[in-house]
Amino acid sequence: MVVTGAAGFVGAHLVDAFSRQGASVVGLVRSETNAWRLREVASTETVCCELGDERDTAGTFARLAPDIVVHAAVERPPKGPAWHDVFARTTSSLSWNVVTAAHRARAARVVWLTTQYEYPACASPAAEHDHRPPDTFYGAVKLAASLVARRYADDMGMALTCLRLFSVYGPLESETRFVQVALRAALSGAMLPLTAADPVHDFVHVDDVARSAVIAATHAAAPGRIFNVASGTGTSNRGVVACIESLVGRPIETRTGAFAASERDRGEWRADVRQAEEQLGFRATVSLEEGLARNLAWLRGRLPS
């Protein structure tokens, strides 16, 4: 099997989870990627592949002939005034190259990881049958890419399952992400900058995400469907801070408004998780408190004392 984006936060955990299940995993990475995360998980073969390059992607998939493809590679929104154009173009080409290469290589299953931002922010839990358009440009681009991939897979008779990941956190996550910044502030005593708003997110531990992908890769009910991967519980940024404070036994100094909010740092994002529970038998089992405690333990072994 192949895992794209294997050197990324989620991708490395996927490689680890599938390898521990006994799967023969090949991780696809970019040539310039720092693969430090892969050194922390179960060892696996890696192959350099530029997924934005159609010929490279097609040739790599043809050589590897994977039975299962788990697509976890993402294009991050670049900085600068032209980011809309760059992000839309690169995301579209990467997604198209992967889904067509998987079909030509005769992959039996494709598990397509995407994002909660395919939904608009809403106080009520978002369900897979909710067809309201995204209210962020990032979400619109991601939804367009997954719509094309799902439509193509359906036309070609290819078994593709879409997993919409909500706010994933855990060990190996980038140190610039909110949960990691908050945990580091708790351990170091640094000030934690917060946005003026207090957005609510549905935090899901990366171990649960990896488990959902393992299930989706083989479950008979998975092909052709979309599943939310989340806890089903919304927690505000301040709620996360309060939980961390309880774990470390001391307050975290915060400064509201010191962090500039992005288009995704607003509103409320919670998932309706009934479809994953009823059709896949998947339910997130790592509570926020337990997940943050695991992350704290991991960080304590890596930060200077």
C-alpha atoms as a PDB file:
ATOM      1  CA  MET A   1       0.000   0.000   0.000  1.00  0.00           C
ATOM      2  CA  VAL A   2       0.975   3.646  -0.456  1.00  0.00           C
ATOM      3  CA  VAL A   3       0.578   6.558   1.949  1.00  0.00           C
ATOM      4  CA  THR A   4       1.033   9.986   0.358  1.00  0.00           C
ATOM      5  CA  GLY A   5       2.327  12.807   2.552  1.00  0.00           C
ATOM      6  CA  ALA A   6       4.029  10.188   4.709  1.00  0.00           C
ATOM      7  CA  ALA A   7       6.440  12.658   6.312  1.00  0.00           C
ATOM      8  CA  GLY A   8       3.628  14.910   7.516  1.00  0.00           C
ATOM      9  CA  PHE A   9       1.983  14.926  10.929  1.00  0.00           C
ATOM     10  CA  VAL A  10      -0.998  12.728  10.050  1.00  0.00           C
ATOM     11  CA  GLY A  11       0.879  10.814   7.355  1.00  0.00           C
ATOM     12  CA  ALA A  12       3.583   9.598   9.747  1.00  0.00           C
ATOM     13  CA  HIS A  13       0.951   8.293  12.159  1.00  0.00           C
ATOM     14  CA  LEU A  14      -0.800   6.519   9.286  1.00  0.00           C
ATOM     15  CA  VAL A  15       2.447   4.832   8.265  1.00  0.00           C
ATOM     16  CA  ASP A  16       2.938   3.726  11.864  1.00  0.00           C
ATOM     17  CA  ALA A  17      -0.626   2.427  12.306  1.00  0.00           C
ATOM     18  CA  PHE A  18      -0.712   0.442   9.056  1.00  0.00           C
ATOM     19  CA  SER A  19       2.788  -0.955   9.620  1.00  0.00           C
ATOM     20  CA  ARG A  20       1.801  -2.183  13.070  1.00  0.00           C
ATOM     21  CA  GLN A  21      -1.168  -3.924  11.467  1.00  0.00           C
ATOM     22  CA  GLY A  22       1.283  -5.867   9.327  1.00  0.00           C
ATOM     23  CA  ALA A  23       0.724  -3.970   6.081  1.00  0.00           C
ATOM     24  CA  SER A  24       3.569  -3.475   3.621  1.00  0.00           C
ATOM     25  CA  VAL A  25       3.682   0.325   3.480  1.00  0.00           C
ATOM     26  CA  VAL A  26       5.518   2.629   1.102  1.00  0.00           C
ATOM     27  CA  GLY A  27       5.515   6.278   2.150  1.00  0.00           C
ATOM     28  CA  LEU A  28       5.641   8.917  -0.578  1.00  0.00           C
ATOM     29  CA  VAL A  29       7.612  12.039   0.335  1.00  0.00           C
ATOM     30  CA  ARG A  30       8.858  15.119  -1.461  1.00  0.00           C
ATOM     31  CA  SER A  31      12.528  15.246  -2.300  1.00  0.00           C
ATOM     32  CA  GLU A  32      13.148  18.280  -0.089  1.00  0.00           C
ATOM     33  CA  THR A  33      11.042  17.023   2.829  1.00  0.00           C
ATOM     34  CA  ASN A  34      12.517  16.810   6.315  1.00  0.00           C
ATOM     35  CA  ALA A  35      11.391  13.317   7.296  1.00  0.00           C
ATOM     36  CA  TRP A  36      12.092  13.691  11.023  1.00  0.00           C
ATOM     37  CA  ARG A  37       8.629  12.396  11.951  1.00  0.00           C
ATOM     38  CA  LEU A  38       9.250   9.102  10.171  1.00  0.00           C
ATOM     39  CA  ARG A  39      12.241   8.499  12.422  1.00  0.00           C
ATOM     40  CA  GLU A  40       9.872   8.465  15.400  1.00  0.00           C
ATOM     41  CA  VAL A  41       7.484   5.794  14.082  1.00  0.00           C
ATOM     42  CA  ALA A  42       7.647   2.247  12.733  1.00  0.00           C
ATOM     43  CA  SER A  43      10.256   2.009   9.986  1.00  0.00           C
ATOM     44  CA  THR A  44       8.978   1.925   6.427  1.00  0.00           C
ATOM     45  CA  GLU A  45      10.218   2.250   2.870  1.00  0.00           C
ATOM     46  CA  THR A  46      10.007   5.759   1.457  1.00  0.00           C
ATOM     47  CA  VAL A  47       9.987   6.896  -2.152  1.00  0.00           C
ATOM     48  CA  CYS A  48      10.452  10.459  -3.364  1.00  0.00           C
ATOM     49  CA  CYS A  49       7.583  11.620  -5.544  1.00  0.00           C
ATOM     50  CA  GLU A  50       6.485  15.087  -6.573  1.00  0.00           C
ATOM     51  CA  LEU A  51       2.721  14.668  -6.560  1.00  0.00           C
ATOM     52  CA  GLY A  52       2.254  17.978  -8.326  1.00  0.00           C
ATOM     53  CA  ASP A  53       4.086  16.494 -11.314  1.00  0.00           C
ATOM     54  CA  GLU A  54       1.724  14.323 -13.352  1.00  0.00           C
ATOM     55  CA  ARG A  55       4.405  12.188 -14.991  1.00  0.00           C
ATOM     56  CA  ASP A  56       6.287  11.592 -11.748  1.00  0.00           C
ATOM     57  CA  THR A  57       3.094  10.637  -9.918  1.00  0.00           C
ATOM     58  CA  ALA A  58       1.860   8.326 -12.680  1.00  0.00           C
ATOM     59  CA  GLY A  59       5.252   6.659 -13.035  1.00  0.00           C
ATOM     60  CA  THR A  60       5.669   6.149  -9.287  1.00  0.00           C
ATOM     61  CA  PHE A  61       2.225   4.604  -8.874  1.00  0.00           C
ATOM     62  CA  ALA A  62       2.760   2.382 -11.912  1.00  0.00           C
ATOM     63  CA  ARG A  63       6.044   1.040 -10.462  1.00  0.00           C
ATOM     64  CA  LEU A  64       4.643   0.484  -6.976  1.00  0.00           C
ATOM     65  CA  ALA A  65       1.250  -0.903  -8.105  1.00  0.00           C
ATOM     66  CA  PRO A  66      -0.385  -0.321  -4.694  1.00  0.00           C
ATOM     67  CA  ASP A  67      -3.547  -2.209  -3.765  1.00  0.00           C
ATOM     68  CA  ILE A  68      -4.506   0.538  -1.300  1.00  0.00           C
ATOM     69  CA  VAL A  69      -3.756   4.265  -1.503  1.00  0.00           C
ATOM     70  CA  VAL A  70      -4.194   6.487   1.533  1.00  0.00           C
ATOM     71  CA  HIS A  71      -3.978  10.091   0.397  1.00  0.00           C
ATOM     72  CA  ALA A  72      -2.787  12.300   3.255  1.00  0.00           C
ATOM     73  CA  ALA A  73      -0.611  14.764   1.321  1.00  0.00           C
ATOM     74  CA  VAL A  74      -1.767  18.383   1.536  1.00  0.00           C
ATOM     75  CA  GLU A  75      -0.808  21.708   0.060  1.00  0.00           C
ATOM     76  CA  ARG A  76      -0.519  24.372   2.735  1.00  0.00           C
ATOM     77  CA  PRO A  77      -1.806  27.835   1.838  1.00  0.00           C
ATOM     78  CA  PRO A  78       1.281  29.855   0.899  1.00  0.00           C
ATOM     79  CA  LYS A  79       1.942  33.323   2.237  1.00  0.00           C
ATOM     80  CA  GLY A  80       1.620  36.413   0.104  1.00  0.00           C
ATOM     81  CA  PRO A  81      -1.071  38.323  -1.764  1.00  0.00           C
ATOM     82  CA  ALA A  82      -1.294  35.746  -4.563  1.00  0.00           C
ATOM     83  CA  TRP A  83      -1.934  32.796  -2.248  1.00  0.00           C
ATOM     84  CA  HIS A  84      -5.454  32.185  -3.572  1.00  0.00           C
ATOM     85  CA  ASP A  85      -4.202  31.477  -7.088  1.00  0.00           C
ATOM     86  CA  VAL A  86      -1.217  29.376  -5.986  1.00  0.00           C
ATOM     87  CA  PHE A  87      -3.192  27.315  -3.475  1.00  0.00           C
ATOM     88  CA  ALA A  88      -6.067  26.613  -5.873  1.00  0.00           C
ATOM     89  CA  ARG A  89      -3.759  25.570  -8.711  1.00  0.00           C
ATOM     90  CA  THR A  90      -1.431  23.365  -6.670  1.00  0.00           C
ATOM     91  CA  THR A  91      -4.213  21.652  -4.715  1.00  0.00           C
ATOM     92  CA  SER A  92      -6.188  20.921  -7.863  1.00  0.00           C
ATOM     93  CA  SER A  93      -3.247  19.430  -9.763  1.00  0.00           C
ATOM     94  CA  LEU A  94      -1.986  17.371  -6.815  1.00  0.00           C
ATOM     95  CA  SER A  95      -5.403  15.843  -6.164  1.00  0.00           C
ATOM     96  CA  TRP A  96      -6.055  15.097  -9.832  1.00  0.00           C
ATOM     97  CA  ASN A  97      -2.647  13.493 -10.288  1.00  0.00           C
ATOM     98  CA  VAL A  98      -3.158  11.207  -7.295  1.00  0.00           C
ATOM     99  CA  VAL A  99      -6.657   9.981  -8.111  1.00  0.00           C
ATOM    100  CA  THR A 100      -5.899   9.334 -11.789  1.00  0.00           C
ATOM    101  CA  ALA A 101      -2.605   7.603 -10.995  1.00  0.00           C
ATOM    102  CA  ALA A 102      -4.355   5.399  -8.427  1.00  0.00           C
ATOM    103  CA  HIS A 103      -6.925   4.384 -11.042  1.00  0.00           C
ATOM    104  CA  ARG A 104      -4.332   3.624 -13.711  1.00  0.00           C
ATOM    105  CA  ALA A 105      -2.358   1.560 -11.191  1.00  0.00           C
ATOM    106  CA  ARG A 106      -5.558  -0.420 -10.492  1.00  0.00           C
ATOM    107  CA  ALA A 107      -5.631   0.374  -6.769  1.00  0.00           C
ATOM    108  CA  ALA A 108      -8.490  -1.552  -5.156  1.00  0.00           C
ATOM    109  CA  ARG A 109      -9.113   1.083  -2.483  1.00  0.00           C
ATOM    110  CA  VAL A 110      -8.428   4.782  -2.024  1.00  0.00           C
ATOM    111  CA  VAL A 111      -8.841   6.498   1.351  1.00  0.00           C
ATOM    112  CA  TRP A 112      -8.986  10.248   0.765  1.00  0.00           C
ATOM    113  CA  LEU A 113      -8.262  12.475   3.758  1.00  0.00           C
ATOM    114  CA  THR A 114      -9.738  15.937   3.701  1.00  0.00           C
ATOM    115  CA  THR A 115     -10.905  18.639   6.086  1.00  0.00           C
ATOM    116  CA  GLN A 116     -13.712  19.961   8.271  1.00  0.00           C
ATOM    117  CA  TYR A 117     -13.502  23.213   6.322  1.00  0.00           C
ATOM    118  CA  GLU A 118     -15.457  21.599   3.522  1.00  0.00           C
ATOM    119  CA  TYR A 119     -18.335  22.617   5.807  1.00  0.00           C
ATOM    120  CA  PRO A 120     -19.209  26.196   6.767  1.00  0.00           C
ATOM    121  CA  ALA A 121     -18.829  27.242  10.397  1.00  0.00           C
ATOM    122  CA  CYS A 122     -22.065  26.463  12.211  1.00  0.00           C
ATOM    123  CA  ALA A 123     -23.290  26.134  15.791  1.00  0.00           C
ATOM    124  CA  SER A 124     -25.002  22.801  14.987  1.00  0.00           C
ATOM    125  CA  PRO A 125     -22.953  19.660  14.298  1.00  0.00           C
ATOM    126  CA  ALA A 126     -22.047  19.239  10.622  1.00  0.00           C
ATOM    127  CA  ALA A 127     -23.296  16.028   9.001  1.00  0.00           C
ATOM    128  CA  GLU A 128     -22.027  14.371   5.835  1.00  0.00           C
ATOM    129  CA  HIS A 129     -25.288  15.100   3.997  1.00  0.00           C
ATOM    130  CA  ASP A 130     -24.925  18.860   4.697  1.00  0.00           C
ATOM    131  CA  HIS A 131     -24.473  20.453   1.273  1.00  0.00           C
ATOM    132  CA  ARG A 132     -24.099  24.073   2.362  1.00  0.00           C
ATOM    133  CA  PRO A 133     -21.025  25.607   0.706  1.00  0.00           C
ATOM    134  CA  PRO A 134     -17.843  26.348   2.680  1.00  0.00           C
ATOM    135  CA  ASP A 135     -17.433  29.870   4.016  1.00  0.00           C
ATOM    136  CA  THR A 136     -13.643  29.964   3.591  1.00  0.00           C
ATOM    137  CA  PHE A 137     -11.581  29.986   0.399  1.00  0.00           C
ATOM    138  CA  TYR A 138      -9.422  27.208   1.837  1.00  0.00           C
ATOM    139  CA  GLY A 139     -12.511  25.057   2.361  1.00  0.00           C
ATOM    140  CA  ALA A 140     -13.873  25.829  -1.106  1.00  0.00           C
ATOM    141  CA  VAL A 141     -10.633  24.675  -2.758  1.00  0.00           C
ATOM    142  CA  LYS A 142     -10.462  21.499  -0.673  1.00  0.00           C
ATOM    143  CA  LEU A 143     -14.110  20.671  -1.369  1.00  0.00           C
ATOM    144  CA  ALA A 144     -13.666  21.227  -5.109  1.00  0.00           C
ATOM    145  CA  ALA A 145     -10.684  18.877  -5.160  1.00  0.00           C
ATOM    146  CA  SER A 146     -12.453  16.126  -3.231  1.00  0.00           C
ATOM    147  CA  LEU A 147     -15.635  16.497  -5.306  1.00  0.00           C
ATOM    148  CA  VAL A 148     -13.644  15.954  -8.495  1.00  0.00           C
ATOM    149  CA  ALA A 149     -11.796  12.971  -6.988  1.00  0.00           C
ATOM    150  CA  ARG A 150     -15.009  11.360  -5.755  1.00  0.00           C
ATOM    151  CA  ARG A 151     -16.822  11.943  -9.048  1.00  0.00           C
ATOM    152  CA  TYR A 152     -13.912  10.537 -11.060  1.00  0.00           C
ATOM    153  CA  ALA A 153     -13.639   7.485  -8.794  1.00  0.00           C
ATOM    154  CA  ASP A 154     -17.353   6.836  -9.142  1.00  0.00           C
ATOM    155  CA  ASP A 155     -17.225   7.133 -12.935  1.00  0.00           C
ATOM    156  CA  MET A 156     -14.236   4.783 -13.099  1.00  0.00           C
ATOM    157  CA  GLY A 157     -15.722   2.253 -10.674  1.00  0.00           C
ATOM    158  CA  MET A 158     -12.934   2.829  -8.137  1.00  0.00           C
ATOM    159  CA  ALA A 159     -13.610   2.344  -4.426  1.00  0.00           C
ATOM    160  CA  LEU A 160     -12.860   5.713  -2.792  1.00  0.00           C
ATOM    161  CA  THR A 161     -13.709   6.690   0.775  1.00  0.00           C
ATOM    162  CA  CYS A 162     -13.494  10.286   1.985  1.00  0.00           C
ATOM    163  CA  LEU A 163     -12.574  10.950   5.617  1.00  0.00           C
ATOM    164  CA  ARG A 164     -13.276  14.530   6.742  1.00  0.00           C
ATOM    165  CA  LEU A 165     -10.863  15.200   9.571  1.00  0.00           C
ATOM    166  CA  PHE A 166     -11.732  17.794  12.161  1.00  0.00           C
ATOM    167  CA  SER A 167      -9.100  19.427  14.429  1.00  0.00           C
ATOM    168  CA  VAL A 168      -6.400  16.780  14.674  1.00  0.00           C
ATOM    169  CA  TYR A 169      -3.784  17.102  17.418  1.00  0.00           C
ATOM    170  CA  GLY A 170      -1.166  14.934  19.085  1.00  0.00           C
ATOM    171  CA  PRO A 171       2.554  14.066  19.107  1.00  0.00           C
ATOM    172  CA  LEU A 172       4.517  15.014  15.964  1.00  0.00           C
ATOM    173  CA  GLU A 173       2.200  17.944  15.190  1.00  0.00           C
ATOM    174  CA  SER A 174       3.876  21.150  14.045  1.00  0.00           C
ATOM    175  CA  GLU A 175       5.014  23.300  16.967  1.00  0.00           C
ATOM    176  CA  THR A 176       3.266  26.300  15.391  1.00  0.00           C
ATOM    177  CA  ARG A 177      -0.207  24.756  15.767  1.00  0.00           C
ATOM    178  CA  PHE A 178      -2.468  26.007  18.567  1.00  0.00           C
ATOM    179  CA  VAL A 179      -2.482  22.928  20.812  1.00  0.00           C
ATOM    180  CA  GLN A 180       1.284  22.559  20.571  1.00  0.00           C
ATOM    181  CA  VAL A 181       1.877  26.267  21.259  1.00  0.00           C
ATOM    182  CA  ALA A 182      -0.403  26.063  24.300  1.00  0.00           C
ATOM    183  CA  LEU A 183       1.307  22.936  25.647  1.00  0.00           C
ATOM    184  CA  ARG A 184       4.740  24.467  25.210  1.00  0.00           C
ATOM    185  CA  ALA A 185       3.619  27.638  26.959  1.00  0.00           C
ATOM    186  CA  ALA A 186       2.374  25.541  29.874  1.00  0.00           C
ATOM    187  CA  LEU A 187       5.727  23.769  30.187  1.00  0.00           C
ATOM    188  CA  SER A 188       7.969  26.794  29.632  1.00  0.00           C
ATOM    189  CA  GLY A 189       5.972  29.541  31.328  1.00  0.00           C
ATOM    190  CA  ALA A 190       5.842  31.561  28.103  1.00  0.00           C
ATOM    191  CA  MET A 191       2.942  33.854  27.291  1.00  0.00           C
ATOM    192  CA  LEU A 192       0.270  32.276  25.082  1.00  0.00           C
ATOM    193  CA  PRO A 193      -1.180  34.637  22.451  1.00  0.00           C
ATOM    194  CA  LEU A 194      -4.874  34.125  21.707  1.00  0.00           C
ATOM    195  CA  THR A 195      -7.182  35.443  19.036  1.00  0.00           C
ATOM    196  CA  ALA A 196      -9.741  38.085  19.961  1.00  0.00           C
ATOM    197  CA  ALA A 197     -12.458  35.538  19.178  1.00  0.00           C
ATOM    198  CA  ASP A 198     -12.725  32.216  20.997  1.00  0.00           C
ATOM    199  CA  PRO A 199     -13.433  29.682  18.226  1.00  0.00           C
ATOM    200  CA  VAL A 200     -14.854  26.259  19.024  1.00  0.00           C
ATOM    201  CA  HIS A 201     -13.288  23.203  17.391  1.00  0.00           C
ATOM    202  CA  ASP A 202     -13.917  19.485  17.492  1.00  0.00           C
ATOM    203  CA  PHE A 203     -10.531  18.168  18.593  1.00  0.00           C
ATOM    204  CA  VAL A 204      -9.681  14.586  17.640  1.00  0.00           C
ATOM    205  CA  HIS A 205      -6.512  12.775  18.639  1.00  0.00           C
ATOM    206  CA  VAL A 206      -4.254  11.604  15.833  1.00  0.00           C
ATOM    207  CA  ASP A 207      -4.330   8.011  17.107  1.00  0.00           C
ATOM    208  CA  ASP A 208      -8.084   7.965  16.513  1.00  0.00           C
ATOM    209  CA  VAL A 209      -7.572   9.434  13.048  1.00  0.00           C
ATOM    210  CA  ALA A 210      -5.073   6.713  12.155  1.00  0.00           C
ATOM    211  CA  ARG A 211      -7.442   4.037  13.429  1.00  0.00           C
ATOM    212  CA  SER A 212     -10.286   5.422  11.310  1.00  0.00           C
ATOM    213  CA  ALA A 213      -8.112   5.164   8.193  1.00  0.00           C
ATOM    214  CA  VAL A 214      -7.176   1.556   8.986  1.00  0.00           C
ATOM    215  CA  ILE A 215     -10.882   0.704   9.277  1.00  0.00           C
ATOM    216  CA  ALA A 216     -11.832   2.620   6.109  1.00  0.00           C
ATOM    217  CA  ALA A 217      -9.144   0.823   4.088  1.00  0.00           C
ATOM    218  CA  THR A 218     -10.889  -2.544   4.417  1.00  0.00           C
ATOM    219  CA  HIS A 219     -14.462  -2.057   5.660  1.00  0.00           C
ATOM    220  CA  ALA A 220     -17.154  -3.239   3.239  1.00  0.00           C
ATOM    221  CA  ALA A 221     -19.365  -0.199   3.936  1.00  0.00           C
ATOM    222  CA  ALA A 222     -16.637   2.384   3.283  1.00  0.00           C
ATOM    223  CA  PRO A 223     -16.363   2.728  -0.534  1.00  0.00           C
ATOM    224  CA  GLY A 224     -18.205   5.657  -2.073  1.00  0.00           C
ATOM    225  CA  ARG A 225     -18.975   7.304   1.264  1.00  0.00           C
ATOM    226  CA  ILE A 226     -17.908  10.322   3.299  1.00  0.00           C
ATOM    227  CA  PHE A 227     -17.272  10.001   7.033  1.00  0.00           C
ATOM    228  CA  ASN A 228     -16.611  12.667   9.625  1.00  0.00           C
ATOM    229  CA  VAL A 229     -13.639  11.789  11.831  1.00  0.00           C
ATOM    230  CA  ALA A 230     -14.046  13.726  15.051  1.00  0.00           C
ATOM    231  CA  SER A 231     -14.982  13.417  18.700  1.00  0.00           C
ATOM    232  CA  GLY A 232     -18.427  14.971  18.304  1.00  0.00           C
ATOM    233  CA  THR A 233     -17.653  17.464  21.078  1.00  0.00           C
ATOM    234  CA  GLY A 234     -16.790  21.124  20.619  1.00  0.00           C
ATOM    235  CA  THR A 235     -14.170  22.807  22.798  1.00  0.00           C
ATOM    236  CA  SER A 236     -13.161  26.461  22.663  1.00  0.00           C
ATOM    237  CA  ASN A 237      -9.541  27.573  22.638  1.00  0.00           C
ATOM    238  CA  ARG A 238      -9.991  28.775  26.212  1.00  0.00           C
ATOM    239  CA  GLY A 239     -11.432  25.387  27.070  1.00  0.00           C
ATOM    240  CA  VAL A 240      -8.263  23.732  25.788  1.00  0.00           C
ATOM    241  CA  VAL A 241      -6.173  26.126  27.857  1.00  0.00           C
ATOM    242  CA  ALA A 242      -8.218  25.349  30.974  1.00  0.00           C
ATOM    243  CA  CYS A 243      -7.736  21.612  30.423  1.00  0.00           C
ATOM    244  CA  ILE A 244      -3.971  22.034  30.066  1.00  0.00           C
ATOM    245  CA  GLU A 245      -3.854  24.218  33.175  1.00  0.00           C
ATOM    246  CA  SER A 246      -5.583  21.447  35.104  1.00  0.00           C
ATOM    247  CA  LEU A 247      -3.065  18.891  33.841  1.00  0.00           C
ATOM    248  CA  VAL A 248       0.015  20.932  34.759  1.00  0.00           C
ATOM    249  CA  GLY A 249      -1.445  22.368  37.975  1.00  0.00           C
ATOM    250  CA  ARG A 250      -0.749  26.035  37.253  1.00  0.00           C
ATOM    251  CA  PRO A 251      -2.189  28.877  35.173  1.00  0.00           C
ATOM    252  CA  ILE A 252      -0.973  29.796  31.697  1.00  0.00           C
ATOM    253  CA  GLU A 253      -0.381  33.467  31.010  1.00  0.00           C
ATOM    254  CA  THR A 254      -2.514  34.452  28.016  1.00  0.00           C
ATOM    255  CA  ARG A 255      -2.932  37.624  25.998  1.00  0.00           C
ATOM    256  CA  THR A 256      -6.188  37.964  24.092  1.00  0.00           C
ATOM    257  CA  GLY A 257      -5.892  39.604  20.699  1.00  0.00           C
ATOM    258  CA  ALA A 258      -2.138  39.022  20.461  1.00  0.00           C
ATOM    259  CA  PHE A 259      -2.611  36.422  17.715  1.00  0.00           C
ATOM    260  CA  ALA A 260      -4.041  37.506  14.367  1.00  0.00           C
ATOM    261  CA  ALA A 261      -6.947  35.258  13.412  1.00  0.00           C
ATOM    262  CA  SER A 262      -7.114  33.580  10.008  1.00  0.00           C
ATOM    263  CA  GLU A 263     -10.326  32.962   8.086  1.00  0.00           C
ATOM    264  CA  ARG A 264     -10.535  29.589   9.829  1.00  0.00           C
ATOM    265  CA  ASP A 265     -10.171  30.995  13.352  1.00  0.00           C
ATOM    266  CA  ARG A 266     -13.776  31.914  13.790  1.00  0.00           C
ATOM    267  CA  GLY A 267     -17.135  30.382  14.522  1.00  0.00           C
ATOM    268  CA  GLU A 268     -17.851  26.865  15.668  1.00  0.00           C
ATOM    269  CA  TRP A 269     -16.851  23.579  14.075  1.00  0.00           C
ATOM    270  CA  ARG A 270     -18.416  20.415  15.464  1.00  0.00           C
ATOM    271  CA  ALA A 271     -19.107  17.100  13.751  1.00  0.00           C
ATOM    272  CA  ASP A 272     -22.065  14.823  13.637  1.00  0.00           C
ATOM    273  CA  VAL A 273     -20.296  11.480  14.109  1.00  0.00           C
ATOM    274  CA  ARG A 274     -23.259   9.120  13.863  1.00  0.00           C
ATOM    275  CA  GLN A 275     -22.556   7.944  10.314  1.00  0.00           C
ATOM    276  CA  ALA A 276     -19.024   6.774  11.151  1.00  0.00           C
ATOM    277  CA  GLU A 277     -20.309   5.031  14.268  1.00  0.00           C
ATOM    278  CA  GLU A 278     -23.247   3.318  12.566  1.00  0.00           C
ATOM    279  CA  GLN A 279     -21.643   2.329   9.262  1.00  0.00           C
ATOM    280  CA  LEU A 280     -17.946   1.880  10.090  1.00  0.00           C
ATOM    281  CA  GLY A 281     -18.191   1.034  13.757  1.00  0.00           C
ATOM    282  CA  PHE A 282     -15.697   3.823  14.386  1.00  0.00           C
ATOM    283  CA  ARG A 283     -15.848   6.067  17.417  1.00  0.00           C
ATOM    284  CA  ALA A 284     -13.095   8.339  18.714  1.00  0.00           C
ATOM    285  CA  THR A 285     -12.002   6.954  22.077  1.00  0.00           C
ATOM    286  CA  VAL A 286      -9.242   9.327  23.211  1.00  0.00           C
ATOM    287  CA  SER A 287     -10.735  12.099  25.345  1.00  0.00           C
ATOM    288  CA  LEU A 288      -9.318  15.608  25.095  1.00  0.00           C
ATOM    289  CA  GLU A 289      -7.886  15.366  28.609  1.00  0.00           C
ATOM    290  CA  GLU A 290      -6.217  12.017  27.879  1.00  0.00           C
ATOM    291  CA  GLY A 291      -4.928  13.194  24.514  1.00  0.00           C
ATOM    292  CA  LEU A 292      -3.437  16.373  25.945  1.00  0.00           C
ATOM    293  CA  ALA A 293      -1.842  14.363  28.764  1.00  0.00           C
ATOM    294  CA  ARG A 294      -0.226  12.034  26.201  1.00  0.00           C
ATOM    295  CA  ASN A 295       1.019  15.016  24.242  1.00  0.00           C
ATOM    296  CA  LEU A 296       2.435  16.623  27.387  1.00  0.00           C
ATOM    297  CA  ALA A 297       4.327  13.445  28.239  1.00  0.00           C
ATOM    298  CA  TRP A 298       5.745  13.303  24.719  1.00  0.00           C
ATOM    299  CA  LEU A 299       6.806  16.959  24.811  1.00  0.00           C
ATOM    300  CA  ARG A 300       8.407  16.697  28.250  1.00  0.00           C
ATOM    301  CA  GLY A 301      10.868  14.177  26.860  1.00  0.00           C
ATOM    302  CA  ARG A 302      11.901  16.524  24.054  1.00  0.00           C
ATOM    303  CA  LEU A 303      12.019  20.027  25.493  1.00  0.00           C
ATOM    304  CA  PRO A 304      15.049  21.405  27.367  1.00  0.00           C
ATOM    305  CA  SER A 305      14.611  21.064  31.130  1.00  0.00           C
END
